[in-house]
PDB file of N, CA and C in Angstrom:
ATOM      1  N   MET A   1    -179.561  40.267  39.886  1.00  0.00           N
ATOM      2  CA  MET A   1    -179.421  39.211  38.833  1.00  0.00           C
ATOM      3  C   MET A   1    -180.227  39.708  37.831  1.00  0.00           C
ATOM      4  N   GLY A   2    -179.948  39.431  36.573  1.00  0.00           N
ATOM      5  CA  GLY A   2    -180.798  39.805  35.458  1.00  0.00           C
ATOM      6  C   GLY A   2    -181.976  38.961  35.107  1.00  0.00           C
ATOM      7  N   ILE A   3    -182.854  39.608  34.355  1.00  0.00           N
ATOM      8  CA  ILE A   3    -183.998  38.858  34.009  1.00  0.00           C
ATOM      9  C   ILE A   3    -184.306  38.926  32.565  1.00  0.00           C
ATOM     10  N   ILE A   4    -185.161  38.232  32.055  1.00  0.00           N
ATOM     11  CA  ILE A   4    -185.465  38.235  30.549  1.00  0.00           C
ATOM     12  C   ILE A   4    -186.126  39.537  30.135  1.00  0.00           C
ATOM     13  N   ALA A   5    -186.197  39.908  29.053  1.00  0.00           N
ATOM     14  CA  ALA A   5    -186.765  41.216  28.569  1.00  0.00           C
ATOM     15  C   ALA A   5    -188.171  40.902  28.322  1.00  0.00           C
ATOM     16  N   TYR A   6    -189.071  41.562  29.091  1.00  0.00           N
ATOM     17  CA  TYR A   6    -190.530  41.212  28.848  1.00  0.00           C
ATOM     18  C   TYR A   6    -190.965  41.796  27.666  1.00  0.00           C
ATOM     19  N   THR A   7    -190.541  42.663  26.935  1.00  0.00           N
ATOM     20  CA  THR A   7    -191.265  43.149  25.917  1.00  0.00           C
ATOM     21  C   THR A   7    -190.935  42.357  24.566  1.00  0.00           C
ATOM     22  N   GLY A   8    -190.026  41.258  24.805  1.00  0.00           N
ATOM     23  CA  GLY A   8    -189.685  40.500  23.623  1.00  0.00           C
ATOM     24  C   GLY A   8    -190.579  39.332  23.487  1.00  0.00           C
ATOM     25  N   GLU A   9    -190.145  38.517  22.416  1.00  0.00           N
ATOM     26  CA  GLU A   9    -190.905  37.208  22.040  1.00  0.00           C
ATOM     27  C   GLU A   9    -189.872  36.171  22.021  1.00  0.00           C
ATOM     28  N   ILE A  10    -190.309  34.992  22.201  1.00  0.00           N
ATOM     29  CA  ILE A  10    -189.568  33.810  21.906  1.00  0.00           C
ATOM     30  C   ILE A  10    -190.197  33.076  20.636  1.00  0.00           C
ATOM     31  N   ILE A  11    -189.407  32.361  19.869  1.00  0.00           N
ATOM     32  CA  ILE A  11    -189.966  31.466  18.806  1.00  0.00           C
ATOM     33  C   ILE A  11    -189.796  30.123  19.338  1.00  0.00           C
ATOM     34  N   VAL A  12    -190.904  29.481  19.254  1.00  0.00           N
ATOM     35  CA  VAL A  12    -190.950  28.066  19.731  1.00  0.00           C
ATOM     36  C   VAL A  12    -190.602  27.162  18.554  1.00  0.00           C
ATOM     37  N   LYS A  13    -190.462  25.859  18.728  1.00  0.00           N
ATOM     38  CA  LYS A  13    -189.920  24.926  17.867  1.00  0.00           C
ATOM     39  C   LYS A  13    -190.727  24.889  16.589  1.00  0.00           C
ATOM     40  N   ASP A  14    -192.028  25.048  16.670  1.00  0.00           N
ATOM     41  CA  ASP A  14    -193.024  25.039  15.468  1.00  0.00           C
ATOM     42  C   ASP A  14    -192.908  26.441  14.823  1.00  0.00           C
ATOM     43  N   GLY A  15    -192.250  27.348  15.260  1.00  0.00           N
ATOM     44  CA  GLY A  15    -192.218  28.635  14.362  1.00  0.00           C
ATOM     45  C   GLY A  15    -193.134  29.707  15.030  1.00  0.00           C
ATOM     46  N   ARG A  16    -193.963  29.371  16.046  1.00  0.00           N
ATOM     47  CA  ARG A  16    -194.896  30.417  16.729  1.00  0.00           C
ATOM     48  C   ARG A  16    -194.039  31.331  17.400  1.00  0.00           C
ATOM     49  N   ARG A  17    -194.553  32.600  17.512  1.00  0.00           N
ATOM     50  CA  ARG A  17    -194.023  33.554  18.360  1.00  0.00           C
ATOM     51  C   ARG A  17    -194.673  33.709  19.651  1.00  0.00           C
ATOM     52  N   VAL A  18    -194.139  33.591  20.821  1.00  0.00           N
ATOM     53  CA  VAL A  18    -194.870  33.723  22.093  1.00  0.00           C
ATOM     54  C   VAL A  18    -194.413  34.930  22.977  1.00  0.00           C
ATOM     55  N   ASN A  19    -195.260  35.749  23.202  1.00  0.00           N
ATOM     56  CA  ASN A  19    -194.907  37.012  24.174  1.00  0.00           C
ATOM     57  C   ASN A  19    -194.568  36.529  25.467  1.00  0.00           C
ATOM     58  N   LEU A  20    -193.488  36.884  26.063  1.00  0.00           N
ATOM     59  CA  LEU A  20    -193.085  36.505  27.285  1.00  0.00           C
ATOM     60  C   LEU A  20    -194.034  37.099  28.475  1.00  0.00           C
ATOM     61  N   ASP A  21    -194.644  38.233  28.370  1.00  0.00           N
ATOM     62  CA  ASP A  21    -195.596  38.679  29.191  1.00  0.00           C
ATOM     63  C   ASP A  21    -196.824  37.772  29.240  1.00  0.00           C
ATOM     64  N   ASN A  22    -197.246  37.113  28.151  1.00  0.00           N
ATOM     65  CA  ASN A  22    -198.261  36.378  28.227  1.00  0.00           C
ATOM     66  C   ASN A  22    -198.019  35.022  28.812  1.00  0.00           C
ATOM     67  N   ILE A  23    -196.657  34.531  28.796  1.00  0.00           N
ATOM     68  CA  ILE A  23    -196.243  33.441  29.585  1.00  0.00           C
ATOM     69  C   ILE A  23    -196.419  33.582  30.972  1.00  0.00           C
ATOM     70  N   LEU A  24    -195.980  34.746  31.453  1.00  0.00           N
ATOM     71  CA  LEU A  24    -195.943  35.082  32.919  1.00  0.00           C
ATOM     72  C   LEU A  24    -197.428  35.224  33.419  1.00  0.00           C
ATOM     73  N   ARG A  25    -198.308  35.806  32.550  1.00  0.00           N
ATOM     74  CA  ARG A  25    -199.739  36.035  33.079  1.00  0.00           C
ATOM     75  C   ARG A  25    -200.382  34.629  32.948  1.00  0.00           C
ATOM     76  N   ALA A  26    -200.132  33.727  32.070  1.00  0.00           N
ATOM     77  CA  ALA A  26    -200.775  32.340  32.159  1.00  0.00           C
ATOM     78  C   ALA A  26    -200.136  31.432  33.195  1.00  0.00           C
ATOM     79  N   LEU A  27    -198.818  31.443  33.469  1.00  0.00           N
ATOM     80  CA  LEU A  27    -198.320  30.561  34.390  1.00  0.00           C
ATOM     81  C   LEU A  27    -198.498  31.006  35.915  1.00  0.00           C
ATOM     82  N   TYR A  28    -198.432  32.265  36.051  1.00  0.00           N
ATOM     83  CA  TYR A  28    -198.498  32.906  37.415  1.00  0.00           C
ATOM     84  C   TYR A  28    -199.661  33.690  37.738  1.00  0.00           C
ATOM     85  N   GLY A  29    -200.489  34.100  36.813  1.00  0.00           N
ATOM     86  CA  GLY A  29    -201.570  34.989  37.015  1.00  0.00           C
ATOM     87  C   GLY A  29    -201.155  36.379  37.327  1.00  0.00           C
ATOM     88  N   LEU A  30    -200.081  36.850  36.702  1.00  0.00           N
ATOM     89  CA  LEU A  30    -199.526  38.151  36.985  1.00  0.00           C
ATOM     90  C   LEU A  30    -200.542  39.142  36.094  1.00  0.00           C
ATOM     91  N   SER A  31    -200.802  40.300  36.779  1.00  0.00           N
ATOM     92  CA  SER A  31    -201.412  41.353  36.246  1.00  0.00           C
ATOM     93  C   SER A  31    -200.530  42.264  35.408  1.00  0.00           C
ATOM     94  N   ASP A  32    -201.074  43.118  34.531  1.00  0.00           N
ATOM     95  CA  ASP A  32    -200.356  44.129  34.033  1.00  0.00           C
ATOM     96  C   ASP A  32    -199.505  45.012  34.957  1.00  0.00           C
ATOM     97  N   THR A  33    -200.192  45.459  36.079  1.00  0.00           N
ATOM     98  CA  THR A  33    -199.547  46.158  37.109  1.00  0.00           C
ATOM     99  C   THR A  33    -198.417  45.255  37.602  1.00  0.00           C
ATOM    100  N   ASP A  34    -198.551  44.086  37.904  1.00  0.00           N
ATOM    101  CA  ASP A  34    -197.463  43.228  38.405  1.00  0.00           C
ATOM    102  C   ASP A  34    -196.275  43.267  37.458  1.00  0.00           C
ATOM    103  N   LEU A  35    -196.554  43.041  36.236  1.00  0.00           N
ATOM    104  CA  LEU A  35    -195.519  43.020  35.169  1.00  0.00           C
ATOM    105  C   LEU A  35    -194.694  44.420  35.111  1.00  0.00           C
ATOM    106  N   LYS A  36    -195.579  45.519  35.245  1.00  0.00           N
ATOM    107  CA  LYS A  36    -194.881  46.683  35.371  1.00  0.00           C
ATOM    108  C   LYS A  36    -194.010  46.959  36.545  1.00  0.00           C
ATOM    109  N   VAL A  37    -194.484  46.688  37.697  1.00  0.00           N
ATOM    110  CA  VAL A  37    -193.661  46.689  38.869  1.00  0.00           C
ATOM    111  C   VAL A  37    -192.324  45.779  38.586  1.00  0.00           C
ATOM    112  N   LEU A  38    -192.472  44.642  38.159  1.00  0.00           N
ATOM    113  CA  LEU A  38    -191.337  43.903  37.968  1.00  0.00           C
ATOM    114  C   LEU A  38    -190.360  44.372  36.893  1.00  0.00           C
ATOM    115  N   LYS A  39    -190.759  44.919  35.955  1.00  0.00           N
ATOM    116  CA  LYS A  39    -190.035  45.681  34.986  1.00  0.00           C
ATOM    117  C   LYS A  39    -189.138  46.925  35.535  1.00  0.00           C
ATOM    118  N   ILE A  40    -189.853  47.550  36.337  1.00  0.00           N
ATOM    119  CA  ILE A  40    -189.335  48.726  37.069  1.00  0.00           C
ATOM    120  C   ILE A  40    -188.168  48.225  38.077  1.00  0.00           C
ATOM    121  N   ILE A  41    -188.433  47.185  38.717  1.00  0.00           N
ATOM    122  CA  ILE A  41    -187.379  46.666  39.595  1.00  0.00           C
ATOM    123  C   ILE A  41    -186.137  46.266  38.740  1.00  0.00           C
ATOM    124  N   GLU A  42    -186.530  45.576  37.706  1.00  0.00           N
ATOM    125  CA  GLU A  42    -185.568  45.139  36.726  1.00  0.00           C
ATOM    126  C   GLU A  42    -184.519  46.327  36.240  1.00  0.00           C
ATOM    127  N   THR A  43    -185.325  47.373  35.943  1.00  0.00           N
ATOM    128  CA  THR A  43    -184.567  48.534  35.438  1.00  0.00           C
ATOM    129  C   THR A  43    -183.657  49.188  36.409  1.00  0.00           C
ATOM    130  N   LEU A  44    -184.209  49.352  37.666  1.00  0.00           N
ATOM    131  CA  LEU A  44    -183.477  50.180  38.794  1.00  0.00           C
ATOM    132  C   LEU A  44    -182.553  49.184  39.427  1.00  0.00           C
ATOM    133  N   GLY A  45    -182.790  48.020  39.432  1.00  0.00           N
ATOM    134  CA  GLY A  45    -181.896  46.949  40.149  1.00  0.00           C
ATOM    135  C   GLY A  45    -182.431  46.772  41.505  1.00  0.00           C
ATOM    136  N   LYS A  46    -182.706  47.889  42.332  1.00  0.00           N
ATOM    137  CA  LYS A  46    -183.295  47.774  43.682  1.00  0.00           C
ATOM    138  C   LYS A  46    -184.189  49.010  43.503  1.00  0.00           C
ATOM    139  N   ALA A  47    -185.302  48.871  44.377  1.00  0.00           N
ATOM    140  CA  ALA A  47    -186.292  49.951  44.352  1.00  0.00           C
ATOM    141  C   ALA A  47    -187.147  50.011  45.526  1.00  0.00           C
ATOM    142  N   LYS A  48    -187.530  51.161  46.101  1.00  0.00           N
ATOM    143  CA  LYS A  48    -188.413  51.333  47.214  1.00  0.00           C
ATOM    144  C   LYS A  48    -189.880  51.538  46.681  1.00  0.00           C
ATOM    145  N   ILE A  49    -190.772  51.355  47.545  1.00  0.00           N
ATOM    146  CA  ILE A  49    -192.132  51.410  47.091  1.00  0.00           C
ATOM    147  C   ILE A  49    -192.490  52.939  46.641  1.00  0.00           C
ATOM    148  N   ASP A  50    -191.961  53.934  47.195  1.00  0.00           N
ATOM    149  CA  ASP A  50    -192.140  55.310  46.776  1.00  0.00           C
ATOM    150  C   ASP A  50    -191.657  55.452  45.200  1.00  0.00           C
ATOM    151  N   GLU A  51    -190.304  54.879  44.974  1.00  0.00           N
ATOM    152  CA  GLU A  51    -189.782  54.931  43.533  1.00  0.00           C
ATOM    153  C   GLU A  51    -190.635  54.185  42.698  1.00  0.00           C
ATOM    154  N   ILE A  52    -191.310  53.192  42.851  1.00  0.00           N
ATOM    155  CA  ILE A  52    -192.127  52.342  41.943  1.00  0.00           C
ATOM    156  C   ILE A  52    -193.332  53.111  41.720  1.00  0.00           C
ATOM    157  N   SER A  53    -193.969  53.476  42.827  1.00  0.00           N
ATOM    158  CA  SER A  53    -195.240  54.391  42.764  1.00  0.00           C
ATOM    159  C   SER A  53    -195.047  55.515  42.009  1.00  0.00           C
ATOM    160  N   SER A  54    -193.967  56.325  42.106  1.00  0.00           N
ATOM    161  CA  SER A  54    -193.734  57.473  41.242  1.00  0.00           C
ATOM    162  C   SER A  54    -193.566  57.238  39.806  1.00  0.00           C
ATOM    163  N   LYS A  55    -192.873  56.255  39.455  1.00  0.00           N
ATOM    164  CA  LYS A  55    -192.620  55.863  38.196  1.00  0.00           C
ATOM    165  C   LYS A  55    -193.782  55.434  37.433  1.00  0.00           C
ATOM    166  N   MET A  56    -194.734  54.751  38.225  1.00  0.00           N
ATOM    167  CA  MET A  56    -196.005  54.227  37.513  1.00  0.00           C
ATOM    168  C   MET A  56    -197.135  55.197  37.651  1.00  0.00           C
ATOM    169  N   ASN A  57    -196.998  56.279  38.480  1.00  0.00           N
ATOM    170  CA  ASN A  57    -198.016  57.192  38.676  1.00  0.00           C
ATOM    171  C   ASN A  57    -199.244  56.625  39.261  1.00  0.00           C
ATOM    172  N   VAL A  58    -199.042  55.755  40.295  1.00  0.00           N
ATOM    173  CA  VAL A  58    -200.041  54.993  40.970  1.00  0.00           C
ATOM    174  C   VAL A  58    -199.898  55.131  42.402  1.00  0.00           C
ATOM    175  N   ASN A  59    -200.902  54.797  43.236  1.00  0.00           N
ATOM    176  CA  ASN A  59    -200.804  54.996  44.610  1.00  0.00           C
ATOM    177  C   ASN A  59    -199.948  53.936  45.319  1.00  0.00           C
ATOM    178  N   LYS A  60    -199.490  53.995  46.383  1.00  0.00           N
ATOM    179  CA  LYS A  60    -198.620  53.102  47.144  1.00  0.00           C
ATOM    180  C   LYS A  60    -199.360  51.670  47.427  1.00  0.00           C
ATOM    181  N   SER A  61    -200.615  51.722  47.634  1.00  0.00           N
ATOM    182  CA  SER A  61    -201.304  50.449  47.958  1.00  0.00           C
ATOM    183  C   SER A  61    -201.326  49.482  46.733  1.00  0.00           C
ATOM    184  N   THR A  62    -201.566  50.214  45.492  1.00  0.00           N
ATOM    185  CA  THR A  62    -201.421  49.291  44.237  1.00  0.00           C
ATOM    186  C   THR A  62    -200.200  48.579  44.069  1.00  0.00           C
ATOM    187  N   VAL A  63    -199.052  49.460  44.325  1.00  0.00           N
ATOM    188  CA  VAL A  63    -197.731  48.958  44.261  1.00  0.00           C
ATOM    189  C   VAL A  63    -197.375  47.780  45.315  1.00  0.00           C
ATOM    190  N   ILE A  64    -197.867  47.992  46.468  1.00  0.00           N
ATOM    191  CA  ILE A  64    -197.743  47.127  47.618  1.00  0.00           C
ATOM    192  C   ILE A  64    -198.478  45.730  47.335  1.00  0.00           C
ATOM    193  N   LYS A  65    -199.638  45.828  46.687  1.00  0.00           N
ATOM    194  CA  LYS A  65    -200.339  44.700  46.386  1.00  0.00           C
ATOM    195  C   LYS A  65    -199.594  43.837  45.299  1.00  0.00           C
ATOM    196  N   SER A  66    -198.911  44.446  44.425  1.00  0.00           N
ATOM    197  CA  SER A  66    -198.237  43.830  43.409  1.00  0.00           C
ATOM    198  C   SER A  66    -196.830  43.192  43.973  1.00  0.00           C
ATOM    199  N   LEU A  67    -196.277  43.995  44.868  1.00  0.00           N
ATOM    200  CA  LEU A  67    -194.972  43.597  45.571  1.00  0.00           C
ATOM    201  C   LEU A  67    -195.305  42.207  46.313  1.00  0.00           C
ATOM    202  N   LYS A  68    -196.433  42.231  47.087  1.00  0.00           N
ATOM    203  CA  LYS A  68    -196.763  40.933  47.907  1.00  0.00           C
ATOM    204  C   LYS A  68    -196.924  39.727  46.873  1.00  0.00           C
ATOM    205  N   THR A  69    -197.745  40.029  45.815  1.00  0.00           N
ATOM    206  CA  THR A  69    -197.718  38.876  44.737  1.00  0.00           C
ATOM    207  C   THR A  69    -196.445  38.511  44.293  1.00  0.00           C
ATOM    208  N   LEU A  70    -195.668  39.195  43.770  1.00  0.00           N
ATOM    209  CA  LEU A  70    -194.396  38.941  43.239  1.00  0.00           C
ATOM    210  C   LEU A  70    -193.583  38.344  44.253  1.00  0.00           C
ATOM    211  N   HIS A  71    -193.503  38.840  45.466  1.00  0.00           N
ATOM    212  CA  HIS A  71    -192.756  38.251  46.673  1.00  0.00           C
ATOM    213  C   HIS A  71    -193.188  36.791  46.941  1.00  0.00           C
ATOM    214  N   SER A  72    -194.568  36.633  47.069  1.00  0.00           N
ATOM    215  CA  SER A  72    -195.187  35.272  47.267  1.00  0.00           C
ATOM    216  C   SER A  72    -194.701  34.288  46.256  1.00  0.00           C
ATOM    217  N   LEU A  73    -194.677  34.663  45.066  1.00  0.00           N
ATOM    218  CA  LEU A  73    -194.352  33.843  43.904  1.00  0.00           C
ATOM    219  C   LEU A  73    -192.818  33.534  43.842  1.00  0.00           C
ATOM    220  N   GLY A  74    -191.902  34.263  44.565  1.00  0.00           N
ATOM    221  CA  GLY A  74    -190.659  34.025  44.574  1.00  0.00           C
ATOM    222  C   GLY A  74    -189.867  34.845  43.509  1.00  0.00           C
ATOM    223  N   PHE A  75    -190.454  35.881  42.806  1.00  0.00           N
ATOM    224  CA  PHE A  75    -189.855  36.655  41.952  1.00  0.00           C
ATOM    225  C   PHE A  75    -188.857  37.746  42.519  1.00  0.00           C
ATOM    226  N   ILE A  76    -189.305  38.214  43.690  1.00  0.00           N
ATOM    227  CA  ILE A  76    -188.490  39.319  44.256  1.00  0.00           C
ATOM    228  C   ILE A  76    -188.309  38.979  45.785  1.00  0.00           C
ATOM    229  N   GLN A  77    -187.276  39.671  46.210  1.00  0.00           N
ATOM    230  CA  GLN A  77    -186.963  39.723  47.787  1.00  0.00           C
ATOM    231  C   GLN A  77    -187.002  41.215  48.178  1.00  0.00           C
ATOM    232  N   ARG A  78    -186.858  41.173  49.536  1.00  0.00           N
ATOM    233  CA  ARG A  78    -186.905  42.568  50.049  1.00  0.00           C
ATOM    234  C   ARG A  78    -185.929  42.550  51.122  1.00  0.00           C
ATOM    235  N   GLU A  79    -185.314  43.599  51.541  1.00  0.00           N
ATOM    236  CA  GLU A  79    -184.444  43.778  52.587  1.00  0.00           C
ATOM    237  C   GLU A  79    -184.817  45.100  53.234  1.00  0.00           C
ATOM    238  N   ILE A  80    -184.668  45.151  54.562  1.00  0.00           N
ATOM    239  CA  ILE A  80    -184.866  46.297  55.520  1.00  0.00           C
ATOM    240  C   ILE A  80    -183.736  47.364  55.347  1.00  0.00           C
ATOM    241  N   LEU A  81    -184.182  48.419  55.114  1.00  0.00           N
ATOM    242  CA  LEU A  81    -183.107  49.661  55.166  1.00  0.00           C
ATOM    243  C   LEU A  81    -183.396  50.321  56.507  1.00  0.00           C
ATOM    244  N   ARG A  82    -182.384  50.336  57.267  1.00  0.00           N
ATOM    245  CA  ARG A  82    -182.539  50.819  58.727  1.00  0.00           C
ATOM    246  C   ARG A  82    -182.355  52.366  58.697  1.00  0.00           C
ATOM    247  N   ASN A  83    -183.206  52.911  59.277  1.00  0.00           N
ATOM    248  CA  ASN A  83    -183.133  54.417  59.604  1.00  0.00           C
ATOM    249  C   ASN A  83    -183.145  54.808  61.123  1.00  0.00           C
ATOM    250  N   GLY A  84    -182.125  54.022  61.668  1.00  0.00           N
ATOM    251  CA  GLY A  84    -182.211  54.142  63.297  1.00  0.00           C
ATOM    252  C   GLY A  84    -183.134  53.188  63.842  1.00  0.00           C
ATOM    253  N   ASN A  85    -183.776  53.570  64.882  1.00  0.00           N
ATOM    254  CA  ASN A  85    -184.810  52.931  65.453  1.00  0.00           C
ATOM    255  C   ASN A  85    -186.198  53.606  65.624  1.00  0.00           C
ATOM    256  N   LYS A  86    -186.280  54.669  64.718  1.00  0.00           N
ATOM    257  CA  LYS A  86    -187.411  55.483  64.504  1.00  0.00           C
ATOM    258  C   LYS A  86    -188.360  55.109  63.356  1.00  0.00           C
ATOM    259  N   GLY A  87    -189.655  55.199  63.665  1.00  0.00           N
ATOM    260  CA  GLY A  87    -190.635  55.056  62.657  1.00  0.00           C
ATOM    261  C   GLY A  87    -190.653  53.550  61.923  1.00  0.00           C
ATOM    262  N   ARG A  88    -191.361  53.351  61.059  1.00  0.00           N
ATOM    263  CA  ARG A  88    -191.570  52.009  60.265  1.00  0.00           C
ATOM    264  C   ARG A  88    -190.293  51.824  59.549  1.00  0.00           C
ATOM    265  N   PRO A  89    -190.061  50.595  59.285  1.00  0.00           N
ATOM    266  CA  PRO A  89    -188.899  50.265  58.540  1.00  0.00           C
ATOM    267  C   PRO A  89    -189.315  50.511  56.980  1.00  0.00           C
ATOM    268  N   THR A  90    -188.300  50.796  56.319  1.00  0.00           N
ATOM    269  CA  THR A  90    -188.249  51.088  54.768  1.00  0.00           C
ATOM    270  C   THR A  90    -187.738  49.732  54.241  1.00  0.00           C
ATOM    271  N   PHE A  91    -188.473  49.283  53.165  1.00  0.00           N
ATOM    272  CA  PHE A  91    -187.948  48.162  52.390  1.00  0.00           C
ATOM    273  C   PHE A  91    -187.547  48.513  51.138  1.00  0.00           C
ATOM    274  N   ILE A  92    -186.537  47.805  50.634  1.00  0.00           N
ATOM    275  CA  ILE A  92    -186.082  47.791  49.213  1.00  0.00           C
ATOM    276  C   ILE A  92    -186.201  46.462  48.651  1.00  0.00           C
ATOM    277  N   TYR A  93    -186.697  46.555  47.426  1.00  0.00           N
ATOM    278  CA  TYR A  93    -186.872  45.320  46.778  1.00  0.00           C
ATOM    279  C   TYR A  93    -186.062  44.927  45.534  1.00  0.00           C
ATOM    280  N   PHE A  94    -185.865  43.740  45.271  1.00  0.00           N
ATOM    281  CA  PHE A  94    -184.961  43.356  44.145  1.00  0.00           C
ATOM    282  C   PHE A  94    -185.210  42.125  43.779  1.00  0.00           C
ATOM    283  N   ILE A  95    -184.904  41.656  42.534  1.00  0.00           N
ATOM    284  CA  ILE A  95    -184.951  40.581  41.794  1.00  0.00           C
ATOM    285  C   ILE A  95    -184.044  39.522  42.265  1.00  0.00           C
ATOM    286  N   ASN A  96    -184.440  38.319  42.796  1.00  0.00           N
ATOM    287  CA  ASN A  96    -183.457  37.400  43.330  1.00  0.00           C
ATOM    288  C   ASN A  96    -183.297  36.095  42.538  1.00  0.00           C
ATOM    289  N   ILE A  97    -183.915  36.064  41.344  1.00  0.00           N
ATOM    290  CA  ILE A  97    -183.740  34.877  40.575  1.00  0.00           C
ATOM    291  C   ILE A  97    -183.533  35.244  39.192  1.00  0.00           C
ATOM    292  N   LYS A  98    -183.243  34.098  38.333  1.00  0.00           N
ATOM    293  CA  LYS A  98    -183.255  34.365  36.899  1.00  0.00           C
ATOM    294  C   LYS A  98    -184.613  33.765  36.500  1.00  0.00           C
ATOM    295  N   ILE A  99    -185.466  34.604  36.003  1.00  0.00           N
ATOM    296  CA  ILE A  99    -186.836  34.291  35.884  1.00  0.00           C
ATOM    297  C   ILE A  99    -187.071  33.237  34.740  1.00  0.00           C
ATOM    298  N   GLU A 100    -186.182  33.249  33.851  1.00  0.00           N
ATOM    299  CA  GLU A 100    -186.258  32.132  32.724  1.00  0.00           C
ATOM    300  C   GLU A 100    -186.045  30.795  33.275  1.00  0.00           C
ATOM    301  N   HIS A 101    -185.103  30.815  34.463  1.00  0.00           N
ATOM    302  CA  HIS A 101    -184.987  29.490  35.205  1.00  0.00           C
ATOM    303  C   HIS A 101    -186.136  28.949  35.890  1.00  0.00           C
ATOM    304  N   LYS A 102    -186.832  30.033  36.503  1.00  0.00           N
ATOM    305  CA  LYS A 102    -188.172  29.799  37.155  1.00  0.00           C
ATOM    306  C   LYS A 102    -189.202  29.269  36.256  1.00  0.00           C
ATOM    307  N   ILE A 103    -189.229  29.830  35.128  1.00  0.00           N
ATOM    308  CA  ILE A 103    -190.351  29.430  34.019  1.00  0.00           C
ATOM    309  C   ILE A 103    -190.075  27.941  33.722  1.00  0.00           C
ATOM    310  N   LYS A 104    -188.792  27.712  33.387  1.00  0.00           N
ATOM    311  CA  LYS A 104    -188.308  26.391  32.955  1.00  0.00           C
ATOM    312  C   LYS A 104    -188.720  25.309  34.055  1.00  0.00           C
ATOM    313  N   GLU A 105    -188.360  25.622  35.306  1.00  0.00           N
ATOM    314  CA  GLU A 105    -188.488  24.623  36.333  1.00  0.00           C
ATOM    315  C   GLU A 105    -189.948  24.493  36.587  1.00  0.00           C
ATOM    316  N   ASP A 106    -190.653  25.500  36.660  1.00  0.00           N
ATOM    317  CA  ASP A 106    -192.124  25.388  37.039  1.00  0.00           C
ATOM    318  C   ASP A 106    -192.895  24.705  35.589  1.00  0.00           C
ATOM    319  N   LEU A 107    -192.390  24.905  34.362  1.00  0.00           N
ATOM    320  CA  LEU A 107    -193.039  24.210  33.345  1.00  0.00           C
ATOM    321  C   LEU A 107    -192.617  22.769  33.358  1.00  0.00           C
ATOM    322  N   GLU A 108    -191.328  22.388  33.734  1.00  0.00           N
ATOM    323  CA  GLU A 108    -190.962  20.960  33.970  1.00  0.00           C
ATOM    324  C   GLU A 108    -191.777  20.169  35.054  1.00  0.00           C
ATOM    325  N   SER A 109    -192.129  20.996  36.085  1.00  0.00           N
ATOM    326  CA  SER A 109    -192.874  20.423  37.277  1.00  0.00           C
ATOM    327  C   SER A 109    -194.385  20.214  36.826  1.00  0.00           C
ATOM    328  N   ILE A 110    -194.874  21.039  36.055  1.00  0.00           N
ATOM    329  CA  ILE A 110    -196.143  20.821  35.439  1.00  0.00           C
ATOM    330  C   ILE A 110    -196.258  19.714  34.482  1.00  0.00           C
ATOM    331  N   VAL A 111    -195.285  19.622  33.613  1.00  0.00           N
ATOM    332  CA  VAL A 111    -195.110  18.424  32.848  1.00  0.00           C
ATOM    333  C   VAL A 111    -194.935  17.111  33.515  1.00  0.00           C
ATOM    334  N   SER A 112    -194.209  17.075  34.496  1.00  0.00           N
ATOM    335  CA  SER A 112    -194.087  15.832  35.294  1.00  0.00           C
ATOM    336  C   SER A 112    -195.398  15.401  35.944  1.00  0.00           C
ATOM    337  N   ALA A 113    -196.018  16.345  36.549  1.00  0.00           N
ATOM    338  CA  ALA A 113    -197.313  16.146  37.096  1.00  0.00           C
ATOM    339  C   ALA A 113    -198.264  15.753  36.234  1.00  0.00           C
ATOM    340  N   LEU A 114    -198.455  16.192  35.053  1.00  0.00           N
ATOM    341  CA  LEU A 114    -199.243  15.716  33.924  1.00  0.00           C
ATOM    342  C   LEU A 114    -198.957  14.363  33.534  1.00  0.00           C
ATOM    343  N   SER A 115    -197.717  14.013  33.565  1.00  0.00           N
ATOM    344  CA  SER A 115    -197.340  12.559  33.021  1.00  0.00           C
ATOM    345  C   SER A 115    -197.633  11.621  34.098  1.00  0.00           C
ATOM    346  N   LYS A 116    -197.958  12.048  35.310  1.00  0.00           N
ATOM    347  CA  LYS A 116    -198.248  11.044  36.331  1.00  0.00           C
ATOM    348  C   LYS A 116    -199.902  10.656  36.432  1.00  0.00           C
ATOM    349  N   THR A 117    -200.532  11.422  35.662  1.00  0.00           N
ATOM    350  CA  THR A 117    -201.957  11.259  35.785  1.00  0.00           C
ATOM    351  C   THR A 117    -202.467  10.296  34.717  1.00  0.00           C
TER     352      THR A 117
END
């Protein structure tokens, strides 16, 4: 599934420009590394830890931390690539949602909760 372009901005009703990276940082606490990992997965469609690590020029543990964050927030899914029954399984990661829908749903939930207070 496609996701919104993170380098872009949206213009809100009052004319202000809002950077989408800033929305993701504020709503979900995503780090710069998390956003880079998400962008790489978007670009590749599906990606393994090694591929992401290589593109970012960081160690695997850094990538794994971001993947865990993105997975726990529901931005990505993973599936096991079977290499027979030998060794550790290899996972491939992909985006499983339309992120703009997730943002909208989560903002609506926040507004609803605020209106009840």
